[in-house]
């Protein structure tokens, strides 16, 4: 991602027999203040034992998919076990007023609060809410990924009092209960939209 971070203090590493041990790596930058420690087998397929805690800049979301752009920061708790061939990832990302924008859509979700629980294959939204186009929005669902790419998703947004400017030339005030799901090849949307006011 296009933002700089740097070590905030000297880094202590030990390398022996192909295994790297990290005493503590404290990195910081705009929106980022993370502490990392643990050990990893660099040559074979030995065990991993890594952890990261602190605040993370959501611009790093672009590492998963170029379709979404994150702003603000969130509190991260992450552990990595297993091996390099079969890593086991467990983590949470607590949102405390962050933003999320889908490229090509004129509105972004602001003031996001809630929790994202994730592992090496998927992320689950828990009690995530914010504002979109001046209205209240809640989000539930799951996103799956592999190899740094979003592979599928099933997200259920619910909005009240959304003042949208989409598509171009249309202004509307609406309530919505939707389900968006699909993968890289096909995407679907179902649900109900109640138009309270509209002008084209």
N, C-alpha and C. Protein backbone atom coordinates (compact mmCIF):
# COMPACT_ATOMS: atom_id res chain seq x y z
N UNK A 1 0.85 -1.20 0.00
CA UNK A 1 0.00 0.00 0.00
C UNK A 1 0.88 1.25 0.00
N UNK A 2 0.31 2.40 -0.44
CA UNK A 2 1.12 3.60 -0.66
C UNK A 2 1.17 4.48 0.58
N UNK A 3 1.65 3.94 1.69
CA UNK A 3 1.86 4.77 2.88
C UNK A 3 3.09 4.22 3.61
N UNK A 4 3.93 5.12 4.15
CA UNK A 4 5.18 4.69 4.77
C UNK A 4 5.00 4.33 6.25
N UNK A 5 5.72 3.31 6.68
CA UNK A 5 5.86 2.99 8.10
C UNK A 5 7.34 2.77 8.36
N UNK A 6 7.72 2.92 9.62
CA UNK A 6 9.13 2.69 9.95
C UNK A 6 9.24 2.15 11.37
N UNK A 7 10.36 1.51 11.66
CA UNK A 7 10.61 0.99 13.00
C UNK A 7 10.75 2.16 13.96
N UNK A 8 10.10 2.05 15.11
CA UNK A 8 10.12 3.12 16.10
C UNK A 8 11.24 2.96 17.12
N UNK A 9 11.91 1.81 17.11
CA UNK A 9 13.01 1.54 18.03
C UNK A 9 13.87 0.45 17.42
N UNK A 10 15.08 0.19 17.98
CA UNK A 10 15.94 -0.84 17.39
C UNK A 10 15.24 -2.20 17.31
N UNK A 11 15.52 -2.92 16.24
CA UNK A 11 14.91 -4.22 15.99
C UNK A 11 15.89 -5.31 16.41
N UNK A 12 15.44 -6.28 17.19
CA UNK A 12 16.29 -7.37 17.67
C UNK A 12 15.84 -8.68 17.02
N UNK A 13 16.75 -9.27 16.24
CA UNK A 13 16.48 -10.51 15.52
C UNK A 13 17.53 -11.55 15.88
N UNK A 14 17.13 -12.82 15.86
CA UNK A 14 18.08 -13.93 16.02
C UNK A 14 17.80 -14.93 14.90
N UNK A 15 18.86 -15.37 14.23
CA UNK A 15 18.74 -16.33 13.14
C UNK A 15 19.67 -17.49 13.43
N UNK A 16 19.11 -18.69 13.54
CA UNK A 16 19.91 -19.88 13.82
C UNK A 16 19.20 -21.09 13.23
N UNK A 17 19.95 -21.89 12.48
CA UNK A 17 19.39 -23.12 11.91
C UNK A 17 18.22 -22.87 10.98
N UNK A 18 18.21 -21.72 10.35
CA UNK A 18 17.13 -21.40 9.42
C UNK A 18 15.88 -20.86 10.08
N UNK A 19 15.91 -20.67 11.40
CA UNK A 19 14.74 -20.17 12.11
C UNK A 19 14.99 -18.74 12.58
N UNK A 20 14.06 -17.86 12.26
CA UNK A 20 14.17 -16.45 12.61
C UNK A 20 13.29 -16.16 13.82
N UNK A 21 13.91 -15.56 14.85
CA UNK A 21 13.16 -15.15 16.04
C UNK A 21 13.18 -13.63 16.13
N UNK A 22 12.00 -13.08 16.35
CA UNK A 22 11.82 -11.64 16.43
C UNK A 22 11.40 -11.28 17.85
N UNK A 23 12.31 -10.57 18.57
CA UNK A 23 11.98 -10.19 19.95
C UNK A 23 10.80 -9.23 19.98
N UNK A 24 10.93 -8.14 19.26
CA UNK A 24 9.83 -7.17 19.19
C UNK A 24 10.13 -6.19 18.08
N UNK A 25 9.18 -6.03 17.20
CA UNK A 25 9.27 -5.04 16.14
C UNK A 25 8.13 -4.06 16.32
N UNK A 26 8.49 -2.83 16.60
CA UNK A 26 7.50 -1.78 16.82
C UNK A 26 7.54 -0.86 15.61
N UNK A 27 6.49 -0.89 14.78
CA UNK A 27 6.45 -0.06 13.59
C UNK A 27 5.33 0.96 13.71
N UNK A 28 5.58 2.13 13.14
CA UNK A 28 4.60 3.19 13.23
C UNK A 28 4.62 4.05 11.99
N UNK A 29 3.58 4.82 11.83
CA UNK A 29 3.41 5.73 10.72
C UNK A 29 2.04 6.35 10.84
N UNK A 30 1.60 7.02 9.81
CA UNK A 30 0.28 7.64 9.84
C UNK A 30 -0.80 6.58 10.02
N UNK A 31 -1.49 6.61 11.15
CA UNK A 31 -2.57 5.66 11.41
C UNK A 31 -2.10 4.27 11.80
N UNK A 32 -0.80 4.07 11.98
CA UNK A 32 -0.27 2.74 12.27
C UNK A 32 0.62 2.78 13.50
N UNK A 33 0.39 1.88 14.44
CA UNK A 33 1.23 1.71 15.62
C UNK A 33 1.13 0.25 16.03
N UNK A 34 1.99 -0.60 15.47
CA UNK A 34 1.89 -2.04 15.63
C UNK A 34 3.12 -2.60 16.33
N UNK A 35 2.90 -3.61 17.17
CA UNK A 35 3.99 -4.38 17.78
C UNK A 35 3.89 -5.81 17.28
N UNK A 36 5.01 -6.33 16.76
CA UNK A 36 5.05 -7.68 16.22
C UNK A 36 6.14 -8.47 16.94
N UNK A 37 5.90 -9.76 17.19
CA UNK A 37 6.93 -10.63 17.75
C UNK A 37 6.61 -12.06 17.37
N UNK A 38 7.59 -12.95 17.62
CA UNK A 38 7.39 -14.35 17.33
C UNK A 38 8.55 -14.96 16.60
N UNK A 39 8.30 -16.11 15.94
CA UNK A 39 9.36 -16.85 15.25
C UNK A 39 8.78 -17.54 14.03
N UNK A 40 9.67 -17.79 13.04
CA UNK A 40 9.25 -18.45 11.81
C UNK A 40 10.41 -19.24 11.24
N UNK A 41 10.12 -20.42 10.68
CA UNK A 41 11.11 -21.25 9.99
C UNK A 41 11.24 -20.73 8.56
N UNK A 42 12.43 -20.22 8.18
CA UNK A 42 12.60 -19.62 6.86
C UNK A 42 13.01 -20.63 5.79
N UNK A 43 13.57 -21.78 6.17
CA UNK A 43 14.10 -22.73 5.18
C UNK A 43 13.20 -23.94 4.98
N UNK A 44 12.67 -24.48 6.05
CA UNK A 44 11.81 -25.66 5.94
C UNK A 44 10.36 -25.30 6.10
N UNK A 45 9.59 -26.28 6.60
CA UNK A 45 8.17 -26.05 6.83
C UNK A 45 7.87 -26.21 8.32
N UNK A 46 8.76 -25.63 9.13
CA UNK A 46 8.59 -25.69 10.56
C UNK A 46 7.47 -24.80 11.05
N UNK A 47 7.26 -24.78 12.35
CA UNK A 47 6.11 -24.05 12.89
C UNK A 47 6.27 -22.54 12.83
N UNK A 48 5.13 -21.86 12.69
CA UNK A 48 5.06 -20.41 12.78
C UNK A 48 4.47 -20.04 14.14
N UNK A 49 4.95 -18.95 14.69
CA UNK A 49 4.39 -18.43 15.94
C UNK A 49 4.59 -16.93 15.94
N UNK A 50 3.68 -16.21 15.28
CA UNK A 50 3.80 -14.77 15.12
C UNK A 50 2.55 -14.09 15.65
N UNK A 51 2.71 -12.87 16.15
CA UNK A 51 1.57 -12.11 16.61
C UNK A 51 1.79 -10.64 16.33
N UNK A 52 0.68 -9.91 16.17
CA UNK A 52 0.72 -8.47 15.95
C UNK A 52 -0.45 -7.85 16.69
N UNK A 53 -0.20 -6.76 17.39
CA UNK A 53 -1.26 -6.04 18.08
C UNK A 53 -1.01 -4.54 17.94
N UNK A 54 -2.09 -3.77 17.97
CA UNK A 54 -1.97 -2.33 17.90
C UNK A 54 -2.94 -1.72 16.91
N UNK A 55 -2.61 -0.54 16.41
CA UNK A 55 -3.47 0.16 15.47
C UNK A 55 -2.92 0.01 14.06
N UNK A 56 -3.83 -0.22 13.10
CA UNK A 56 -3.44 -0.44 11.71
C UNK A 56 -4.16 0.55 10.80
N UNK A 57 -3.47 1.03 9.79
CA UNK A 57 -4.04 1.94 8.80
C UNK A 57 -4.83 1.13 7.78
N UNK A 58 -6.10 1.49 7.58
CA UNK A 58 -6.96 0.72 6.68
C UNK A 58 -6.64 0.91 5.21
N UNK A 59 -5.70 1.78 4.88
CA UNK A 59 -5.25 1.84 3.49
C UNK A 59 -4.60 0.54 3.06
N UNK A 60 -4.16 -0.27 4.04
CA UNK A 60 -3.58 -1.57 3.73
C UNK A 60 -4.60 -2.52 3.11
N UNK A 61 -5.89 -2.17 3.15
CA UNK A 61 -6.94 -2.98 2.51
C UNK A 61 -6.67 -3.18 1.03
N UNK A 62 -5.96 -2.24 0.42
CA UNK A 62 -5.67 -2.34 -1.01
C UNK A 62 -4.78 -3.54 -1.32
N UNK A 63 -4.15 -4.13 -0.28
CA UNK A 63 -3.36 -5.33 -0.50
C UNK A 63 -4.25 -6.54 -0.79
N UNK A 64 -5.52 -6.51 -0.30
CA UNK A 64 -6.46 -7.59 -0.54
C UNK A 64 -7.20 -7.41 -1.86
N UNK A 65 -7.65 -6.19 -2.15
CA UNK A 65 -8.40 -5.94 -3.37
C UNK A 65 -8.30 -4.47 -3.74
N UNK A 66 -8.18 -4.22 -5.04
CA UNK A 66 -8.13 -2.84 -5.53
C UNK A 66 -9.52 -2.23 -5.67
N UNK A 67 -10.56 -3.02 -5.45
CA UNK A 67 -11.92 -2.51 -5.61
C UNK A 67 -12.34 -1.64 -4.43
N UNK A 68 -11.73 -1.88 -3.27
CA UNK A 68 -12.10 -1.13 -2.07
C UNK A 68 -10.94 -0.25 -1.62
N UNK A 69 -11.28 0.90 -1.06
CA UNK A 69 -10.27 1.79 -0.49
C UNK A 69 -10.69 2.13 0.93
N UNK A 70 -9.81 1.88 1.87
CA UNK A 70 -10.08 2.15 3.26
C UNK A 70 -9.42 3.43 3.73
N UNK A 71 -10.02 4.07 4.72
CA UNK A 71 -9.44 5.25 5.34
C UNK A 71 -9.58 5.12 6.85
N UNK A 72 -8.73 5.84 7.58
CA UNK A 72 -8.77 5.77 9.03
C UNK A 72 -8.00 4.58 9.54
N UNK A 73 -8.10 4.34 10.83
CA UNK A 73 -7.37 3.23 11.42
C UNK A 73 -8.30 2.38 12.27
N UNK A 74 -7.80 1.22 12.67
CA UNK A 74 -8.57 0.28 13.47
C UNK A 74 -7.63 -0.47 14.39
N UNK A 75 -8.18 -1.09 15.42
CA UNK A 75 -7.35 -1.84 16.36
C UNK A 75 -7.25 -3.29 15.89
N UNK A 76 -6.01 -3.77 15.77
CA UNK A 76 -5.74 -5.10 15.23
C UNK A 76 -5.20 -6.02 16.31
N UNK A 77 -5.68 -7.27 16.32
CA UNK A 77 -5.11 -8.34 17.13
C UNK A 77 -4.99 -9.56 16.22
N UNK A 78 -3.77 -10.01 15.97
CA UNK A 78 -3.52 -11.04 14.96
C UNK A 78 -2.55 -12.07 15.50
N UNK A 79 -2.82 -13.35 15.22
CA UNK A 79 -1.87 -14.42 15.53
C UNK A 79 -1.77 -15.34 14.32
N UNK A 80 -0.55 -15.82 14.06
CA UNK A 80 -0.30 -16.73 12.95
C UNK A 80 0.41 -17.95 13.51
N UNK A 81 -0.18 -19.14 13.30
CA UNK A 81 0.40 -20.39 13.74
C UNK A 81 0.47 -21.33 12.53
N UNK A 82 0.62 -22.62 12.78
CA UNK A 82 0.73 -23.57 11.68
C UNK A 82 2.11 -23.55 11.07
N UNK A 83 2.18 -23.61 9.73
CA UNK A 83 3.45 -23.61 9.01
C UNK A 83 3.33 -22.71 7.79
N UNK A 84 4.45 -22.51 7.09
CA UNK A 84 4.40 -21.65 5.90
C UNK A 84 3.50 -22.24 4.83
N UNK A 85 3.49 -23.56 4.69
CA UNK A 85 2.63 -24.18 3.69
C UNK A 85 1.17 -24.20 4.12
N UNK A 86 0.93 -24.24 5.41
CA UNK A 86 -0.45 -24.29 5.91
C UNK A 86 -0.57 -23.36 7.12
N UNK A 87 -0.55 -22.05 6.88
CA UNK A 87 -0.66 -21.12 8.00
C UNK A 87 -2.07 -21.12 8.59
N UNK A 88 -2.13 -20.88 9.88
CA UNK A 88 -3.40 -20.75 10.59
C UNK A 88 -3.45 -19.33 11.15
N UNK A 89 -4.37 -18.53 10.62
CA UNK A 89 -4.46 -17.12 10.98
C UNK A 89 -5.74 -16.89 11.79
N UNK A 90 -5.60 -16.16 12.88
CA UNK A 90 -6.76 -15.77 13.68
C UNK A 90 -6.59 -14.30 14.04
N UNK A 91 -7.65 -13.53 13.86
CA UNK A 91 -7.50 -12.12 14.19
C UNK A 91 -8.82 -11.39 14.25
N UNK A 92 -8.76 -10.20 14.82
CA UNK A 92 -9.90 -9.29 14.86
C UNK A 92 -9.43 -7.90 14.48
N UNK A 93 -10.33 -7.16 13.86
CA UNK A 93 -10.09 -5.77 13.50
C UNK A 93 -11.27 -4.98 14.04
N UNK A 94 -11.03 -4.16 15.05
CA UNK A 94 -12.09 -3.37 15.66
C UNK A 94 -12.13 -1.99 15.03
N UNK A 95 -13.23 -1.68 14.36
CA UNK A 95 -13.39 -0.40 13.66
C UNK A 95 -13.89 0.66 14.63
N UNK A 96 -13.29 1.84 14.57
CA UNK A 96 -13.62 2.89 15.53
C UNK A 96 -13.82 4.22 14.82
N UNK A 97 -14.60 4.19 13.73
CA UNK A 97 -14.87 5.43 13.00
C UNK A 97 -14.16 5.49 11.66
N UNK A 98 -13.90 4.34 11.05
CA UNK A 98 -13.16 4.27 9.79
C UNK A 98 -14.07 4.53 8.60
N UNK A 99 -13.49 4.55 7.40
CA UNK A 99 -14.24 4.76 6.17
C UNK A 99 -13.91 3.70 5.14
N UNK A 100 -14.87 3.44 4.24
CA UNK A 100 -14.68 2.43 3.19
C UNK A 100 -15.38 2.92 1.94
N UNK A 101 -14.68 2.83 0.81
CA UNK A 101 -15.24 3.30 -0.46
C UNK A 101 -15.01 2.24 -1.54
N UNK A 102 -16.07 2.00 -2.33
CA UNK A 102 -15.99 1.11 -3.49
C UNK A 102 -15.67 1.95 -4.71
N UNK A 103 -14.61 1.57 -5.41
CA UNK A 103 -14.18 2.36 -6.56
C UNK A 103 -15.28 2.40 -7.63
N UNK A 104 -15.55 3.62 -8.12
CA UNK A 104 -16.58 3.80 -9.14
C UNK A 104 -17.93 4.16 -8.58
N UNK A 105 -18.09 4.13 -7.25
CA UNK A 105 -19.36 4.49 -6.61
C UNK A 105 -19.19 5.85 -5.94
N UNK A 106 -20.13 6.80 -6.11
CA UNK A 106 -19.91 8.18 -5.65
C UNK A 106 -19.94 8.35 -4.14
N UNK A 107 -20.47 7.39 -3.38
CA UNK A 107 -20.59 7.54 -1.94
C UNK A 107 -19.68 6.54 -1.22
N UNK A 108 -19.18 6.94 -0.08
CA UNK A 108 -18.43 6.04 0.77
C UNK A 108 -19.12 5.86 2.10
N UNK A 109 -18.82 4.78 2.78
CA UNK A 109 -19.35 4.53 4.12
C UNK A 109 -18.41 5.19 5.12
N UNK A 110 -18.96 6.03 5.97
CA UNK A 110 -18.15 6.76 6.95
C UNK A 110 -18.55 6.37 8.36
N UNK A 111 -17.66 6.66 9.30
CA UNK A 111 -17.95 6.41 10.72
C UNK A 111 -18.21 4.96 11.03
N UNK A 112 -17.50 4.05 10.38
CA UNK A 112 -17.72 2.62 10.59
C UNK A 112 -17.29 2.20 11.99
N UNK A 113 -18.17 1.46 12.66
CA UNK A 113 -17.86 0.89 13.96
C UNK A 113 -18.33 -0.55 13.99
N UNK A 114 -17.62 -1.37 14.73
CA UNK A 114 -17.94 -2.79 14.80
C UNK A 114 -16.68 -3.62 14.73
N UNK A 115 -16.85 -4.91 14.49
CA UNK A 115 -15.71 -5.83 14.50
C UNK A 115 -15.69 -6.66 13.22
N UNK A 116 -14.49 -6.86 12.69
CA UNK A 116 -14.26 -7.81 11.60
C UNK A 116 -13.40 -8.94 12.16
N UNK A 117 -13.94 -10.14 12.14
CA UNK A 117 -13.20 -11.32 12.61
C UNK A 117 -12.72 -12.10 11.39
N UNK A 118 -11.43 -12.45 11.35
CA UNK A 118 -10.90 -13.06 10.13
C UNK A 118 -9.95 -14.20 10.43
N UNK A 119 -9.77 -15.05 9.41
CA UNK A 119 -8.76 -16.11 9.44
C UNK A 119 -8.03 -16.11 8.11
N UNK A 120 -7.34 -17.21 7.79
CA UNK A 120 -6.53 -17.23 6.57
C UNK A 120 -7.36 -17.31 5.30
N UNK A 121 -8.67 -17.56 5.42
CA UNK A 121 -9.51 -17.73 4.24
C UNK A 121 -10.64 -16.72 4.10
N UNK A 122 -11.11 -16.15 5.21
CA UNK A 122 -12.31 -15.32 5.13
C UNK A 122 -12.34 -14.30 6.25
N UNK A 123 -13.19 -13.29 6.05
CA UNK A 123 -13.44 -12.27 7.07
C UNK A 123 -14.95 -12.16 7.29
N UNK A 124 -15.36 -12.07 8.56
CA UNK A 124 -16.78 -11.99 8.92
C UNK A 124 -17.07 -10.66 9.59
N UNK A 125 -18.15 -10.01 9.18
CA UNK A 125 -18.55 -8.72 9.73
C UNK A 125 -19.46 -8.95 10.93
N UNK A 126 -19.13 -8.32 12.06
CA UNK A 126 -19.93 -8.46 13.28
C UNK A 126 -20.37 -7.09 13.77
N UNK A 127 -21.68 -6.84 13.75
CA UNK A 127 -22.25 -5.59 14.28
C UNK A 127 -21.56 -4.36 13.70
N UNK A 128 -21.35 -4.37 12.39
CA UNK A 128 -20.69 -3.25 11.72
C UNK A 128 -21.75 -2.26 11.25
N UNK A 129 -21.57 -0.98 11.59
CA UNK A 129 -22.53 0.04 11.19
C UNK A 129 -21.79 1.34 10.92
N UNK A 130 -22.45 2.23 10.17
CA UNK A 130 -21.88 3.53 9.84
C UNK A 130 -22.93 4.37 9.13
N UNK A 131 -22.47 5.38 8.39
CA UNK A 131 -23.37 6.23 7.62
C UNK A 131 -23.00 6.17 6.15
N UNK A 132 -24.02 6.21 5.29
CA UNK A 132 -23.85 6.23 3.84
C UNK A 132 -24.83 7.26 3.27
N UNK A 133 -24.29 8.25 2.56
CA UNK A 133 -25.13 9.28 1.93
C UNK A 133 -26.09 9.90 2.93
N UNK A 134 -25.61 10.15 4.14
CA UNK A 134 -26.41 10.81 5.16
C UNK A 134 -27.37 9.92 5.90
N UNK A 135 -27.43 8.63 5.59
CA UNK A 135 -28.34 7.71 6.26
C UNK A 135 -27.61 6.66 7.05
N UNK A 136 -28.35 5.93 7.86
CA UNK A 136 -27.78 4.89 8.71
C UNK A 136 -27.63 3.60 7.92
N UNK A 137 -26.47 2.93 8.07
CA UNK A 137 -26.20 1.70 7.34
C UNK A 137 -25.65 0.65 8.30
N UNK A 138 -26.17 -0.58 8.22
CA UNK A 138 -25.61 -1.71 8.95
C UNK A 138 -25.17 -2.77 7.95
N UNK A 139 -24.11 -3.49 8.29
CA UNK A 139 -23.52 -4.48 7.39
C UNK A 139 -23.34 -5.80 8.12
N UNK A 140 -23.74 -6.90 7.46
CA UNK A 140 -23.48 -8.24 7.93
C UNK A 140 -22.97 -9.05 6.75
N UNK A 141 -22.24 -10.13 7.05
CA UNK A 141 -21.84 -11.00 5.96
C UNK A 141 -20.40 -11.46 6.06
N UNK A 142 -19.92 -12.01 4.94
CA UNK A 142 -18.60 -12.63 4.91
C UNK A 142 -17.94 -12.40 3.57
N UNK A 143 -16.60 -12.23 3.58
CA UNK A 143 -15.81 -12.10 2.37
C UNK A 143 -14.72 -13.16 2.40
N UNK A 144 -14.51 -13.85 1.29
CA UNK A 144 -13.48 -14.88 1.19
C UNK A 144 -12.37 -14.40 0.25
N UNK A 145 -11.15 -14.82 0.52
CA UNK A 145 -10.00 -14.38 -0.28
C UNK A 145 -8.96 -15.48 -0.33
N UNK A 146 -8.08 -15.37 -1.33
CA UNK A 146 -6.97 -16.31 -1.49
C UNK A 146 -5.92 -15.64 -2.35
N UNK A 147 -4.66 -15.81 -1.99
CA UNK A 147 -3.57 -15.26 -2.79
C UNK A 147 -3.62 -13.76 -2.95
N UNK A 148 -4.12 -13.06 -1.94
CA UNK A 148 -4.20 -11.61 -2.02
C UNK A 148 -5.34 -11.09 -2.87
N UNK A 149 -6.28 -11.97 -3.26
CA UNK A 149 -7.41 -11.56 -4.10
C UNK A 149 -8.73 -11.93 -3.44
N UNK A 150 -9.72 -11.04 -3.60
CA UNK A 150 -11.07 -11.33 -3.13
C UNK A 150 -11.69 -12.37 -4.06
N UNK A 151 -12.09 -13.53 -3.52
CA UNK A 151 -12.61 -14.61 -4.35
C UNK A 151 -14.13 -14.70 -4.34
N UNK A 152 -14.76 -14.37 -3.23
CA UNK A 152 -16.22 -14.39 -3.17
C UNK A 152 -16.67 -13.53 -1.99
N UNK A 153 -17.96 -13.19 -2.00
CA UNK A 153 -18.50 -12.38 -0.91
C UNK A 153 -20.00 -12.62 -0.81
N UNK A 154 -20.51 -12.38 0.38
CA UNK A 154 -21.94 -12.45 0.65
C UNK A 154 -22.21 -11.43 1.76
N UNK A 155 -22.64 -10.24 1.37
CA UNK A 155 -22.80 -9.12 2.29
C UNK A 155 -24.24 -8.65 2.26
N UNK A 156 -24.80 -8.37 3.44
CA UNK A 156 -26.20 -7.96 3.56
C UNK A 156 -26.26 -6.56 4.18
N UNK A 157 -26.30 -5.52 3.35
CA UNK A 157 -26.43 -4.15 3.87
C UNK A 157 -27.90 -3.80 4.10
N UNK A 158 -28.13 -2.99 5.14
CA UNK A 158 -29.46 -2.49 5.45
C UNK A 158 -29.33 -1.00 5.73
N UNK A 159 -30.08 -0.18 4.98
CA UNK A 159 -29.95 1.27 5.11
C UNK A 159 -31.28 1.97 5.31
N UNK A 160 -31.24 3.11 6.00
CA UNK A 160 -32.42 3.93 6.24
C UNK A 160 -32.07 5.39 5.95
N UNK A 161 -32.90 6.05 5.14
CA UNK A 161 -32.70 7.46 4.84
C UNK A 161 -31.46 7.75 4.03
N UNK A 162 -31.19 6.95 3.02
CA UNK A 162 -30.00 7.11 2.18
C UNK A 162 -30.30 8.10 1.06
N UNK A 163 -29.58 9.21 1.00
CA UNK A 163 -29.78 10.22 -0.04
C UNK A 163 -28.72 10.01 -1.13
N UNK A 164 -29.05 9.18 -2.11
CA UNK A 164 -28.07 8.75 -3.10
C UNK A 164 -28.06 9.64 -4.35
N UNK A 165 -26.88 9.78 -4.94
CA UNK A 165 -26.70 10.40 -6.24
C UNK A 165 -26.12 9.35 -7.19
N UNK A 166 -26.94 8.36 -7.49
CA UNK A 166 -26.48 7.24 -8.33
C UNK A 166 -27.69 6.54 -8.91
N UNK A 167 -27.68 6.20 -10.22
CA UNK A 167 -26.65 6.55 -11.21
C UNK A 167 -26.66 8.04 -11.52
N UNK A 168 -25.76 8.46 -12.40
CA UNK A 168 -25.60 9.87 -12.70
C UNK A 168 -26.92 10.47 -13.20
N UNK A 169 -27.29 11.61 -12.62
CA UNK A 169 -28.53 12.28 -12.99
C UNK A 169 -29.71 11.95 -12.11
N UNK A 170 -29.60 10.93 -11.28
CA UNK A 170 -30.70 10.53 -10.41
C UNK A 170 -30.35 10.83 -8.96
N UNK A 171 -31.27 11.52 -8.28
CA UNK A 171 -31.16 11.75 -6.84
C UNK A 171 -32.35 11.09 -6.17
N UNK A 172 -32.08 10.33 -5.13
CA UNK A 172 -33.18 9.61 -4.48
C UNK A 172 -32.93 9.50 -2.99
N UNK A 173 -34.05 9.41 -2.26
CA UNK A 173 -34.02 9.16 -0.83
C UNK A 173 -34.72 7.83 -0.61
N UNK A 174 -34.02 6.87 -0.02
CA UNK A 174 -34.60 5.53 0.03
C UNK A 174 -34.16 4.76 1.27
N UNK A 175 -34.92 3.69 1.53
CA UNK A 175 -34.58 2.66 2.52
C UNK A 175 -34.30 1.38 1.74
N UNK A 176 -33.40 0.56 2.25
CA UNK A 176 -33.04 -0.64 1.49
C UNK A 176 -32.67 -1.79 2.42
N UNK A 177 -33.08 -3.00 1.99
CA UNK A 177 -32.66 -4.26 2.61
C UNK A 177 -32.14 -5.12 1.46
N UNK A 178 -30.81 -5.29 1.38
CA UNK A 178 -30.21 -5.92 0.21
C UNK A 178 -29.32 -7.09 0.60
N UNK A 179 -29.03 -7.91 -0.41
CA UNK A 179 -28.01 -8.95 -0.30
C UNK A 179 -27.15 -8.89 -1.56
N UNK A 180 -25.84 -8.70 -1.38
CA UNK A 180 -24.89 -8.67 -2.49
C UNK A 180 -23.99 -9.89 -2.34
N UNK A 181 -23.91 -10.69 -3.40
CA UNK A 181 -23.08 -11.90 -3.30
C UNK A 181 -22.55 -12.27 -4.68
N UNK A 182 -21.49 -13.05 -4.69
CA UNK A 182 -20.90 -13.47 -5.95
C UNK A 182 -19.42 -13.77 -5.81
N UNK A 183 -18.76 -13.88 -6.97
CA UNK A 183 -17.33 -14.13 -7.01
C UNK A 183 -16.72 -13.29 -8.11
N UNK A 184 -15.50 -13.62 -8.54
CA UNK A 184 -14.81 -12.80 -9.53
C UNK A 184 -15.52 -12.83 -10.88
N UNK A 185 -16.27 -13.89 -11.18
CA UNK A 185 -16.89 -14.03 -12.50
C UNK A 185 -18.32 -13.52 -12.55
N UNK A 186 -19.08 -13.74 -11.49
CA UNK A 186 -20.49 -13.34 -11.49
C UNK A 186 -20.85 -12.71 -10.16
N UNK A 187 -21.70 -11.67 -10.23
CA UNK A 187 -22.16 -10.98 -9.03
C UNK A 187 -23.68 -10.82 -9.11
N UNK A 188 -24.33 -10.89 -7.96
CA UNK A 188 -25.78 -10.76 -7.90
C UNK A 188 -26.17 -9.77 -6.82
N UNK A 189 -27.37 -9.22 -6.96
CA UNK A 189 -27.95 -8.38 -5.92
C UNK A 189 -29.44 -8.69 -5.83
N UNK A 190 -29.92 -8.90 -4.61
CA UNK A 190 -31.35 -9.14 -4.39
C UNK A 190 -31.78 -8.28 -3.20
N UNK A 191 -33.08 -8.15 -3.01
CA UNK A 191 -33.58 -7.42 -1.85
C UNK A 191 -34.73 -6.50 -2.18
N UNK A 192 -34.97 -5.55 -1.28
CA UNK A 192 -36.07 -4.62 -1.39
C UNK A 192 -35.56 -3.19 -1.21
N UNK A 193 -36.01 -2.29 -2.11
CA UNK A 193 -35.69 -0.87 -2.00
C UNK A 193 -37.00 -0.09 -1.96
N UNK A 194 -37.16 0.71 -0.91
CA UNK A 194 -38.35 1.58 -0.78
C UNK A 194 -37.94 3.01 -1.11
N UNK A 195 -38.42 3.52 -2.24
CA UNK A 195 -38.07 4.87 -2.68
C UNK A 195 -39.02 5.86 -2.02
N UNK A 196 -38.49 6.72 -1.18
CA UNK A 196 -39.30 7.72 -0.49
C UNK A 196 -39.41 9.02 -1.29
N UNK A 197 -38.38 9.28 -2.09
CA UNK A 197 -38.37 10.49 -2.92
C UNK A 197 -37.33 10.30 -4.00
N UNK A 198 -37.61 10.86 -5.22
CA UNK A 198 -36.63 10.70 -6.30
C UNK A 198 -36.80 11.83 -7.31
N UNK A 199 -35.68 12.19 -7.94
CA UNK A 199 -35.70 13.21 -8.99
C UNK A 199 -34.65 12.82 -10.03
N UNK A 200 -35.10 12.80 -11.30
CA UNK A 200 -34.17 12.49 -12.39
C UNK A 200 -34.00 13.72 -13.25
